[in-house]
Amino acid sequence: MVGSRSCFVLAFLNGPRVVEKSREGRRHDMSTNGTIKKVQSDRGFGFIAAEDGEEYFFHRSGLDPSLNFDSLAGGEAVTFEVEKSDKGPRASRVRAQGS
């Protein structure tokens, strides 16, 4: 239908939750939980082991102010959104659980 508003959100039961943008460009956030698994501090990125069994890349620019990239050591409990990127799904809006 021409001029109608549509929103497409992709989600999987027991799988990754993907952040999609509607045609209006708004994000529809669906959070998932995980643990910081590995941090490459000299390169500015790391990986999160999610509760869904997947591992997600994150970049320091995707961290919420509740986390300081330089103080991450691994093992921190986090909540994040999964979004599409050219290289596959990645974690964004990574924040400490409960914040």
PDB file of N, CA and C in Angstrom:
ATOM      1  N   MET A   1       0.833  -1.159   0.000  1.00  0.00           N
ATOM      2  CA  MET A   1       0.000   0.000   0.000  1.00  0.00           C
ATOM      3  C   MET A   1       0.890   1.239   0.000  1.00  0.00           C
ATOM      4  N   VAL A   2       0.712   2.123  -0.916  1.00  0.00           N
ATOM      5  CA  VAL A   2       1.519   3.328  -1.027  1.00  0.00           C
ATOM      6  C   VAL A   2       1.204   4.259   0.136  1.00  0.00           C
ATOM      7  N   GLY A   3       2.255   4.779   0.758  1.00  0.00           N
ATOM      8  CA  GLY A   3       2.078   5.720   1.850  1.00  0.00           C
ATOM      9  C   GLY A   3       1.802   5.092   3.198  1.00  0.00           C
ATOM     10  N   SER A   4       1.722   3.783   3.247  1.00  0.00           N
ATOM     11  CA  SER A   4       1.462   3.147   4.540  1.00  0.00           C
ATOM     12  C   SER A   4       2.766   3.002   5.309  1.00  0.00           C
ATOM     13  N   ARG A   5       2.647   2.943   6.607  1.00  0.00           N
ATOM     14  CA  ARG A   5       3.821   2.754   7.456  1.00  0.00           C
ATOM     15  C   ARG A   5       4.006   1.274   7.703  1.00  0.00           C
ATOM     16  N   SER A   6       5.243   0.841   7.579  1.00  0.00           N
ATOM     17  CA  SER A   6       5.560  -0.557   7.826  1.00  0.00           C
ATOM     18  C   SER A   6       6.744  -0.634   8.759  1.00  0.00           C
ATOM     19  N   CYS A   7       6.774  -1.663   9.521  1.00  0.00           N
ATOM     20  CA  CYS A   7       7.881  -1.893  10.435  1.00  0.00           C
ATOM     21  C   CYS A   7       8.241  -3.359  10.345  1.00  0.00           C
ATOM     22  N   PHE A   8       9.505  -3.636  10.164  1.00  0.00           N
ATOM     23  CA  PHE A   8       9.954  -5.005  10.078  1.00  0.00           C
ATOM     24  C   PHE A   8      10.933  -5.267  11.207  1.00  0.00           C
ATOM     25  N   VAL A   9      10.611  -6.184  12.062  1.00  0.00           N
ATOM     26  CA  VAL A   9      11.479  -6.545  13.167  1.00  0.00           C
ATOM     27  C   VAL A   9      11.719  -8.035  13.075  1.00  0.00           C
ATOM     28  N   LEU A  10      12.981  -8.421  13.045  1.00  0.00           N
ATOM     29  CA  LEU A  10      13.351  -9.814  12.932  1.00  0.00           C
ATOM     30  C   LEU A  10      13.762 -10.316  14.305  1.00  0.00           C
ATOM     31  N   ALA A  11      13.121 -11.347  14.756  1.00  0.00           N
ATOM     32  CA  ALA A  11      13.468 -11.931  16.053  1.00  0.00           C
ATOM     33  C   ALA A  11      13.344 -13.437  15.952  1.00  0.00           C
ATOM     34  N   PHE A  12      14.129 -14.129  16.702  1.00  0.00           N
ATOM     35  CA  PHE A  12      14.109 -15.577  16.716  1.00  0.00           C
ATOM     36  C   PHE A  12      13.836 -16.057  18.128  1.00  0.00           C
ATOM     37  N   LEU A  13      13.024 -17.072  18.243  1.00  0.00           N
ATOM     38  CA  LEU A  13      12.877 -17.720  19.537  1.00  0.00           C
ATOM     39  C   LEU A  13      14.176 -18.452  19.798  1.00  0.00           C
ATOM     40  N   ASN A  14      14.731 -18.295  20.952  1.00  0.00           N
ATOM     41  CA  ASN A  14      15.983 -18.952  21.330  1.00  0.00           C
ATOM     42  C   ASN A  14      17.141 -18.584  20.414  1.00  0.00           C
ATOM     43  N   GLY A  15      17.114 -17.434  19.793  1.00  0.00           N
ATOM     44  CA  GLY A  15      18.192 -17.041  18.908  1.00  0.00           C
ATOM     45  C   GLY A  15      18.493 -15.568  19.051  1.00  0.00           C
ATOM     46  N   PRO A  16      19.335 -15.040  18.169  1.00  0.00           N
ATOM     47  CA  PRO A  16      19.708 -13.639  18.286  1.00  0.00           C
ATOM     48  C   PRO A  16      18.520 -12.722  18.073  1.00  0.00           C
ATOM     49  N   ARG A  17      18.547 -11.641  18.772  1.00  0.00           N
ATOM     50  CA  ARG A  17      17.523 -10.617  18.612  1.00  0.00           C
ATOM     51  C   ARG A  17      18.155  -9.497  17.804  1.00  0.00           C
ATOM     52  N   VAL A  18      17.565  -9.171  16.710  1.00  0.00           N
ATOM     53  CA  VAL A  18      18.159  -8.234  15.777  1.00  0.00           C
ATOM     54  C   VAL A  18      17.453  -6.898  15.847  1.00  0.00           C
ATOM     55  N   VAL A  19      18.225  -5.842  15.869  1.00  0.00           N
ATOM     56  CA  VAL A  19      17.667  -4.496  15.853  1.00  0.00           C
ATOM     57  C   VAL A  19      17.462  -4.116  14.395  1.00  0.00           C
ATOM     58  N   GLU A  20      16.266  -3.762  14.057  1.00  0.00           N
ATOM     59  CA  GLU A  20      15.939  -3.346  12.700  1.00  0.00           C
ATOM     60  C   GLU A  20      15.460  -1.910  12.716  1.00  0.00           C
ATOM     61  N   LYS A  21      15.529  -1.270  11.609  1.00  0.00           N
ATOM     62  CA  LYS A  21      14.982   0.074  11.480  1.00  0.00           C
ATOM     63  C   LYS A  21      13.715  -0.004  10.646  1.00  0.00           C
ATOM     64  N   SER A  22      12.733   0.747  11.058  1.00  0.00           N
ATOM     65  CA  SER A  22      11.515   0.841  10.265  1.00  0.00           C
ATOM     66  C   SER A  22      11.793   1.757   9.082  1.00  0.00           C
ATOM     67  N   ARG A  23      10.835   1.893   8.210  1.00  0.00           N
ATOM     68  CA  ARG A  23      11.012   2.783   7.066  1.00  0.00           C
ATOM     69  C   ARG A  23      11.239   4.219   7.501  1.00  0.00           C
ATOM     70  N   GLU A  24      10.758   4.570   8.687  1.00  0.00           N
ATOM     71  CA  GLU A  24      10.964   5.919   9.197  1.00  0.00           C
ATOM     72  C   GLU A  24      12.353   6.081   9.804  1.00  0.00           C
ATOM     73  N   GLY A  25      13.129   5.010   9.876  1.00  0.00           N
ATOM     74  CA  GLY A  25      14.485   5.072  10.383  1.00  0.00           C
ATOM     75  C   GLY A  25      14.609   4.898  11.881  1.00  0.00           C
ATOM     76  N   ARG A  26      13.518   4.618  12.577  1.00  0.00           N
ATOM     77  CA  ARG A  26      13.598   4.410  14.026  1.00  0.00           C
ATOM     78  C   ARG A  26      14.069   2.985  14.305  1.00  0.00           C
ATOM     79  N   ARG A  27      14.800   2.862  15.403  1.00  0.00           N
ATOM     80  CA  ARG A  27      15.260   1.541  15.822  1.00  0.00           C
ATOM     81  C   ARG A  27      14.222   0.907  16.713  1.00  0.00           C
ATOM     82  N   HIS A  28      14.105  -0.382  16.602  1.00  0.00           N
ATOM     83  CA  HIS A  28      13.243  -1.155  17.487  1.00  0.00           C
ATOM     84  C   HIS A  28      14.166  -2.081  18.263  1.00  0.00           C
ATOM     85  N   ASP A  29      14.441  -1.691  19.482  1.00  0.00           N
ATOM     86  CA  ASP A  29      15.441  -2.392  20.270  1.00  0.00           C
ATOM     87  C   ASP A  29      14.859  -3.587  20.997  1.00  0.00           C
ATOM     88  N   MET A  30      15.585  -4.665  20.910  1.00  0.00           N
ATOM     89  CA  MET A  30      15.269  -5.860  21.671  1.00  0.00           C
ATOM     90  C   MET A  30      16.578  -6.290  22.316  1.00  0.00           C
ATOM     91  N   SER A  31      16.612  -6.252  23.615  1.00  0.00           N
ATOM     92  CA  SER A  31      17.846  -6.518  24.341  1.00  0.00           C
ATOM     93  C   SER A  31      18.081  -8.001  24.545  1.00  0.00           C
ATOM     94  N   THR A  32      19.354  -8.338  24.638  1.00  0.00           N
ATOM     95  CA  THR A  32      19.761  -9.681  25.018  1.00  0.00           C
ATOM     96  C   THR A  32      20.895  -9.543  26.036  1.00  0.00           C
ATOM     97  N   ASN A  33      21.119 -10.570  26.792  1.00  0.00           N
ATOM     98  CA  ASN A  33      22.142 -10.547  27.840  1.00  0.00           C
ATOM     99  C   ASN A  33      23.329 -11.407  27.446  1.00  0.00           C
ATOM    100  N   GLY A  34      24.464 -11.081  28.027  1.00  0.00           N
ATOM    101  CA  GLY A  34      25.660 -11.857  27.777  1.00  0.00           C
ATOM    102  C   GLY A  34      26.764 -11.460  28.730  1.00  0.00           C
ATOM    103  N   THR A  35      27.951 -11.980  28.448  1.00  0.00           N
ATOM    104  CA  THR A  35      29.130 -11.724  29.264  1.00  0.00           C
ATOM    105  C   THR A  35      30.281 -11.337  28.348  1.00  0.00           C
ATOM    106  N   ILE A  36      31.021 -10.297  28.730  1.00  0.00           N
ATOM    107  CA  ILE A  36      32.210  -9.930  27.959  1.00  0.00           C
ATOM    108  C   ILE A  36      33.151 -11.128  28.001  1.00  0.00           C
ATOM    109  N   LYS A  37      33.494 -11.635  26.819  1.00  0.00           N
ATOM    110  CA  LYS A  37      34.328 -12.829  26.737  1.00  0.00           C
ATOM    111  C   LYS A  37      35.804 -12.472  26.544  1.00  0.00           C
ATOM    112  N   LYS A  38      36.055 -11.574  25.613  1.00  0.00           N
ATOM    113  CA  LYS A  38      37.434 -11.238  25.270  1.00  0.00           C
ATOM    114  C   LYS A  38      37.484  -9.779  24.844  1.00  0.00           C
ATOM    115  N   VAL A  39      38.545  -9.086  25.249  1.00  0.00           N
ATOM    116  CA  VAL A  39      38.721  -7.681  24.892  1.00  0.00           C
ATOM    117  C   VAL A  39      40.092  -7.517  24.239  1.00  0.00           C
ATOM    118  N   GLN A  40      40.111  -6.909  23.072  1.00  0.00           N
ATOM    119  CA  GLN A  40      41.354  -6.555  22.385  1.00  0.00           C
ATOM    120  C   GLN A  40      41.555  -5.054  22.604  1.00  0.00           C
ATOM    121  N   SER A  41      42.066  -4.698  23.786  1.00  0.00           N
ATOM    122  CA  SER A  41      42.128  -3.285  24.171  1.00  0.00           C
ATOM    123  C   SER A  41      42.984  -2.454  23.219  1.00  0.00           C
ATOM    124  N   ASP A  42      44.047  -3.028  22.685  1.00  0.00           N
ATOM    125  CA  ASP A  42      44.907  -2.279  21.770  1.00  0.00           C
ATOM    126  C   ASP A  42      44.246  -2.034  20.420  1.00  0.00           C
ATOM    127  N   ARG A  43      43.189  -2.791  20.113  1.00  0.00           N
ATOM    128  CA  ARG A  43      42.510  -2.644  18.821  1.00  0.00           C
ATOM    129  C   ARG A  43      41.104  -2.063  18.951  1.00  0.00           C
ATOM    130  N   GLY A  44      40.621  -1.880  20.191  1.00  0.00           N
ATOM    131  CA  GLY A  44      39.353  -1.197  20.404  1.00  0.00           C
ATOM    132  C   GLY A  44      38.099  -2.019  20.186  1.00  0.00           C
ATOM    133  N   PHE A  45      38.211  -3.339  20.321  1.00  0.00           N
ATOM    134  CA  PHE A  45      37.022  -4.172  20.164  1.00  0.00           C
ATOM    135  C   PHE A  45      37.087  -5.378  21.076  1.00  0.00           C
ATOM    136  N   GLY A  46      36.004  -6.124  21.094  1.00  0.00           N
ATOM    137  CA  GLY A  46      35.945  -7.337  21.895  1.00  0.00           C
ATOM    138  C   GLY A  46      34.795  -8.211  21.451  1.00  0.00           C
ATOM    139  N   PHE A  47      34.528  -9.245  22.245  1.00  0.00           N
ATOM    140  CA  PHE A  47      33.472 -10.200  21.931  1.00  0.00           C
ATOM    141  C   PHE A  47      32.635 -10.473  23.170  1.00  0.00           C
ATOM    142  N   ILE A  48      31.354 -10.681  22.934  1.00  0.00           N
ATOM    143  CA  ILE A  48      30.404 -10.990  23.993  1.00  0.00           C
ATOM    144  C   ILE A  48      29.868 -12.389  23.761  1.00  0.00           C
ATOM    145  N   ALA A  49      29.893 -13.219  24.803  1.00  0.00           N
ATOM    146  CA  ALA A  49      29.247 -14.535  24.769  1.00  0.00           C
ATOM    147  C   ALA A  49      27.815 -14.315  25.240  1.00  0.00           C
ATOM    148  N   ALA A  50      26.861 -14.470  24.335  1.00  0.00           N
ATOM    149  CA  ALA A  50      25.456 -14.204  24.653  1.00  0.00           C
ATOM    150  C   ALA A  50      24.787 -15.425  25.252  1.00  0.00           C
ATOM    151  N   GLU A  51      23.684 -15.174  25.969  1.00  0.00           N
ATOM    152  CA  GLU A  51      22.918 -16.267  26.567  1.00  0.00           C
ATOM    153  C   GLU A  51      22.338 -17.200  25.516  1.00  0.00           C
ATOM    154  N   ASP A  52      22.203 -16.721  24.273  1.00  0.00           N
ATOM    155  CA  ASP A  52      21.653 -17.563  23.207  1.00  0.00           C
ATOM    156  C   ASP A  52      22.699 -18.504  22.616  1.00  0.00           C
ATOM    157  N   GLY A  53      23.923 -18.471  23.155  1.00  0.00           N
ATOM    158  CA  GLY A  53      24.981 -19.355  22.687  1.00  0.00           C
ATOM    159  C   GLY A  53      25.837 -18.764  21.573  1.00  0.00           C
ATOM    160  N   GLU A  54      25.444 -17.617  21.066  1.00  0.00           N
ATOM    161  CA  GLU A  54      26.203 -16.963  20.002  1.00  0.00           C
ATOM    162  C   GLU A  54      27.271 -16.059  20.598  1.00  0.00           C
ATOM    163  N   GLU A  55      28.247 -15.713  19.773  1.00  0.00           N
ATOM    164  CA  GLU A  55      29.291 -14.773  20.161  1.00  0.00           C
ATOM    165  C   GLU A  55      29.183 -13.559  19.251  1.00  0.00           C
ATOM    166  N   TYR A  56      29.185 -12.362  19.838  1.00  0.00           N
ATOM    167  CA  TYR A  56      28.997 -11.137  19.075  1.00  0.00           C
ATOM    168  C   TYR A  56      30.186 -10.202  19.219  1.00  0.00           C
ATOM    169  N   PHE A  57      30.617  -9.653  18.105  1.00  0.00           N
ATOM    170  CA  PHE A  57      31.639  -8.617  18.054  1.00  0.00           C
ATOM    171  C   PHE A  57      31.056  -7.321  18.615  1.00  0.00           C
ATOM    172  N   PHE A  58      31.872  -6.542  19.316  1.00  0.00           N
ATOM    173  CA  PHE A  58      31.480  -5.181  19.674  1.00  0.00           C
ATOM    174  C   PHE A  58      32.686  -4.265  19.527  1.00  0.00           C
ATOM    175  N   HIS A  59      32.420  -3.021  19.205  1.00  0.00           N
ATOM    176  CA  HIS A  59      33.460  -1.998  19.100  1.00  0.00           C
ATOM    177  C   HIS A  59      33.313  -1.043  20.275  1.00  0.00           C
ATOM    178  N   ARG A  60      34.397  -0.469  20.695  1.00  0.00           N
ATOM    179  CA  ARG A  60      34.354   0.445  21.848  1.00  0.00           C
ATOM    180  C   ARG A  60      33.360   1.575  21.640  1.00  0.00           C
ATOM    181  N   SER A  61      33.116   1.977  20.404  1.00  0.00           N
ATOM    182  CA  SER A  61      32.153   3.052  20.136  1.00  0.00           C
ATOM    183  C   SER A  61      30.715   2.619  20.409  1.00  0.00           C
ATOM    184  N   GLY A  62      30.484   1.302  20.546  1.00  0.00           N
ATOM    185  CA  GLY A  62      29.151   0.790  20.824  1.00  0.00           C
ATOM    186  C   GLY A  62      28.843   0.642  22.304  1.00  0.00           C
ATOM    187  N   LEU A  63      29.754   1.108  23.170  1.00  0.00           N
ATOM    188  CA  LEU A  63      29.543   0.990  24.613  1.00  0.00           C
ATOM    189  C   LEU A  63      28.760   2.172  25.168  1.00  0.00           C
ATOM    190  N   ASP A  64      27.870   1.872  26.081  1.00  0.00           N
ATOM    191  CA  ASP A  64      27.142   2.874  26.846  1.00  0.00           C
ATOM    192  C   ASP A  64      28.122   3.493  27.855  1.00  0.00           C
ATOM    193  N   PRO A  65      27.875   4.735  28.285  1.00  0.00           N
ATOM    194  CA  PRO A  65      28.755   5.351  29.291  1.00  0.00           C
ATOM    195  C   PRO A  65      28.840   4.578  30.611  1.00  0.00           C
ATOM    196  N   SER A  66      27.930   3.625  30.850  1.00  0.00           N
ATOM    197  CA  SER A  66      28.002   2.825  32.079  1.00  0.00           C
ATOM    198  C   SER A  66      29.195   1.872  32.073  1.00  0.00           C
ATOM    199  N   LEU A  67      29.843   1.719  30.929  1.00  0.00           N
ATOM    200  CA  LEU A  67      31.025   0.859  30.817  1.00  0.00           C
ATOM    201  C   LEU A  67      32.205   1.669  30.302  1.00  0.00           C
ATOM    202  N   ASN A  68      33.367   1.425  30.866  1.00  0.00           N
ATOM    203  CA  ASN A  68      34.601   2.049  30.408  1.00  0.00           C
ATOM    204  C   ASN A  68      35.397   0.975  29.677  1.00  0.00           C
ATOM    205  N   PHE A  69      35.580   1.133  28.381  1.00  0.00           N
ATOM    206  CA  PHE A  69      36.262   0.116  27.585  1.00  0.00           C
ATOM    207  C   PHE A  69      37.628  -0.237  28.160  1.00  0.00           C
ATOM    208  N   ASP A  70      38.386   0.758  28.561  1.00  0.00           N
ATOM    209  CA  ASP A  70      39.748   0.517  29.040  1.00  0.00           C
ATOM    210  C   ASP A  70      39.808  -0.260  30.348  1.00  0.00           C
ATOM    211  N   SER A  71      38.697  -0.346  31.073  1.00  0.00           N
ATOM    212  CA  SER A  71      38.703  -1.101  32.324  1.00  0.00           C
ATOM    213  C   SER A  71      38.063  -2.488  32.179  1.00  0.00           C
ATOM    214  N   LEU A  72      37.601  -2.837  30.980  1.00  0.00           N
ATOM    215  CA  LEU A  72      37.016  -4.168  30.780  1.00  0.00           C
ATOM    216  C   LEU A  72      38.109  -5.230  30.810  1.00  0.00           C
ATOM    217  N   ALA A  73      37.862  -6.292  31.550  1.00  0.00           N
ATOM    218  CA  ALA A  73      38.836  -7.375  31.646  1.00  0.00           C
ATOM    219  C   ALA A  73      38.259  -8.703  31.181  1.00  0.00           C
ATOM    220  N   GLY A  74      36.957  -8.753  30.983  1.00  0.00           N
ATOM    221  CA  GLY A  74      36.273 -10.005  30.654  1.00  0.00           C
ATOM    222  C   GLY A  74      35.516 -10.489  31.866  1.00  0.00           C
ATOM    223  N   GLY A  75      34.361 -11.087  31.620  1.00  0.00           N
ATOM    224  CA  GLY A  75      33.535 -11.594  32.698  1.00  0.00           C
ATOM    225  C   GLY A  75      32.432 -10.651  33.135  1.00  0.00           C
ATOM    226  N   GLU A  76      32.403  -9.427  32.606  1.00  0.00           N
ATOM    227  CA  GLU A  76      31.369  -8.460  32.972  1.00  0.00           C
ATOM    228  C   GLU A  76      30.029  -8.854  32.354  1.00  0.00           C
ATOM    229  N   ALA A  77      28.972  -8.814  33.158  1.00  0.00           N
ATOM    230  CA  ALA A  77      27.619  -9.109  32.670  1.00  0.00           C
ATOM    231  C   ALA A  77      27.079  -7.871  31.966  1.00  0.00           C
ATOM    232  N   VAL A  78      26.600  -8.048  30.728  1.00  0.00           N
ATOM    233  CA  VAL A  78      26.125  -6.922  29.934  1.00  0.00           C
ATOM    234  C   VAL A  78      24.773  -7.223  29.290  1.00  0.00           C
ATOM    235  N   THR A  79      24.116  -6.158  28.899  1.00  0.00           N
ATOM    236  CA  THR A  79      22.903  -6.207  28.093  1.00  0.00           C
ATOM    237  C   THR A  79      23.220  -5.434  26.827  1.00  0.00           C
ATOM    238  N   PHE A  80      22.722  -5.908  25.685  1.00  0.00           N
ATOM    239  CA  PHE A  80      23.043  -5.243  24.426  1.00  0.00           C
ATOM    240  C   PHE A  80      21.972  -5.519  23.384  1.00  0.00           C
ATOM    241  N   GLU A  81      22.040  -4.771  22.295  1.00  0.00           N
ATOM    242  CA  GLU A  81      21.201  -5.010  21.138  1.00  0.00           C
ATOM    243  C   GLU A  81      22.063  -5.616  20.043  1.00  0.00           C
ATOM    244  N   VAL A  82      21.464  -6.398  19.203  1.00  0.00           N
ATOM    245  CA  VAL A  82      22.162  -6.961  18.052  1.00  0.00           C
ATOM    246  C   VAL A  82      21.680  -6.202  16.827  1.00  0.00           C
ATOM    247  N   GLU A  83      22.632  -5.708  16.053  1.00  0.00           N
ATOM    248  CA  GLU A  83      22.256  -5.018  14.828  1.00  0.00           C
ATOM    249  C   GLU A  83      23.047  -5.574  13.660  1.00  0.00           C
ATOM    250  N   LYS A  84      22.506  -5.378  12.488  1.00  0.00           N
ATOM    251  CA  LYS A  84      23.181  -5.832  11.277  1.00  0.00           C
ATOM    252  C   LYS A  84      24.326  -4.892  10.948  1.00  0.00           C
ATOM    253  N   SER A  85      25.373  -5.475  10.395  1.00  0.00           N
ATOM    254  CA  SER A  85      26.468  -4.683   9.854  1.00  0.00           C
ATOM    255  C   SER A  85      26.912  -5.369   8.568  1.00  0.00           C
ATOM    256  N   ASP A  86      27.788  -4.725   7.829  1.00  0.00           N
ATOM    257  CA  ASP A  86      28.278  -5.318   6.581  1.00  0.00           C
ATOM    258  C   ASP A  86      28.998  -6.640   6.816  1.00  0.00           C
ATOM    259  N   LYS A  87      29.531  -6.824   8.015  1.00  0.00           N
ATOM    260  CA  LYS A  87      30.288  -8.038   8.328  1.00  0.00           C
ATOM    261  C   LYS A  87      29.495  -9.024   9.164  1.00  0.00           C
ATOM    262  N   GLY A  88      28.199  -8.810   9.290  1.00  0.00           N
ATOM    263  CA  GLY A  88      27.351  -9.711  10.074  1.00  0.00           C
ATOM    264  C   GLY A  88      26.842  -9.036  11.327  1.00  0.00           C
ATOM    265  N   PRO A  89      26.113  -9.782  12.153  1.00  0.00           N
ATOM    266  CA  PRO A  89      25.541  -9.188  13.361  1.00  0.00           C
ATOM    267  C   PRO A  89      26.623  -8.716  14.326  1.00  0.00           C
ATOM    268  N   ARG A  90      26.343  -7.612  15.008  1.00  0.00           N
ATOM    269  CA  ARG A  90      27.276  -7.093  16.000  1.00  0.00           C
ATOM    270  C   ARG A  90      26.495  -6.521  17.170  1.00  0.00           C
ATOM    271  N   ALA A  91      27.149  -6.460  18.313  1.00  0.00           N
ATOM    272  CA  ALA A  91      26.526  -5.908  19.518  1.00  0.00           C
ATOM    273  C   ALA A  91      26.642  -4.393  19.490  1.00  0.00           C
ATOM    274  N   SER A  92      25.557  -3.731  19.871  1.00  0.00           N
ATOM    275  CA  SER A  92      25.566  -2.276  20.000  1.00  0.00           C
ATOM    276  C   SER A  92      24.841  -1.911  21.283  1.00  0.00           C
ATOM    277  N   ARG A  93      24.989  -0.670  21.694  1.00  0.00           N
ATOM    278  CA  ARG A  93      24.383  -0.190  22.942  1.00  0.00           C
ATOM    279  C   ARG A  93      24.702  -1.150  24.093  1.00  0.00           C
ATOM    280  N   VAL A  94      25.949  -1.555  24.170  1.00  0.00           N
ATOM    281  CA  VAL A  94      26.403  -2.481  25.206  1.00  0.00           C
ATOM    282  C   VAL A  94      26.456  -1.728  26.527  1.00  0.00           C
ATOM    283  N   ARG A  95      25.777  -2.257  27.536  1.00  0.00           N
ATOM    284  CA  ARG A  95      25.730  -1.600  28.844  1.00  0.00           C
ATOM    285  C   ARG A  95      25.784  -2.644  29.951  1.00  0.00           C
ATOM    286  N   ALA A  96      26.181  -2.198  31.125  1.00  0.00           N
ATOM    287  CA  ALA A  96      26.221  -3.092  32.279  1.00  0.00           C
ATOM    288  C   ALA A  96      24.805  -3.572  32.576  1.00  0.00           C
ATOM    289  N   GLN A  97      24.657  -4.853  32.900  1.00  0.00           N
ATOM    290  CA  GLN A  97      23.326  -5.364  33.241  1.00  0.00           C
ATOM    291  C   GLN A  97      22.783  -4.601  34.429  1.00  0.00           C
ATOM    292  N   GLY A  98      21.506  -4.256  34.347  1.00  0.00           N
ATOM    293  CA  GLY A  98      20.854  -3.543  35.424  1.00  0.00           C
ATOM    294  C   GLY A  98      20.975  -2.038  35.342  1.00  0.00           C
ATOM    295  N   SER A  99      21.675  -1.533  34.333  1.00  0.00           N
ATOM    296  CA  SER A  99      21.791  -0.065  34.229  1.00  0.00           C
ATOM    297  C   SER A  99      20.899   0.479  33.136  1.00  0.00           C
TER     298      SER A  99
END
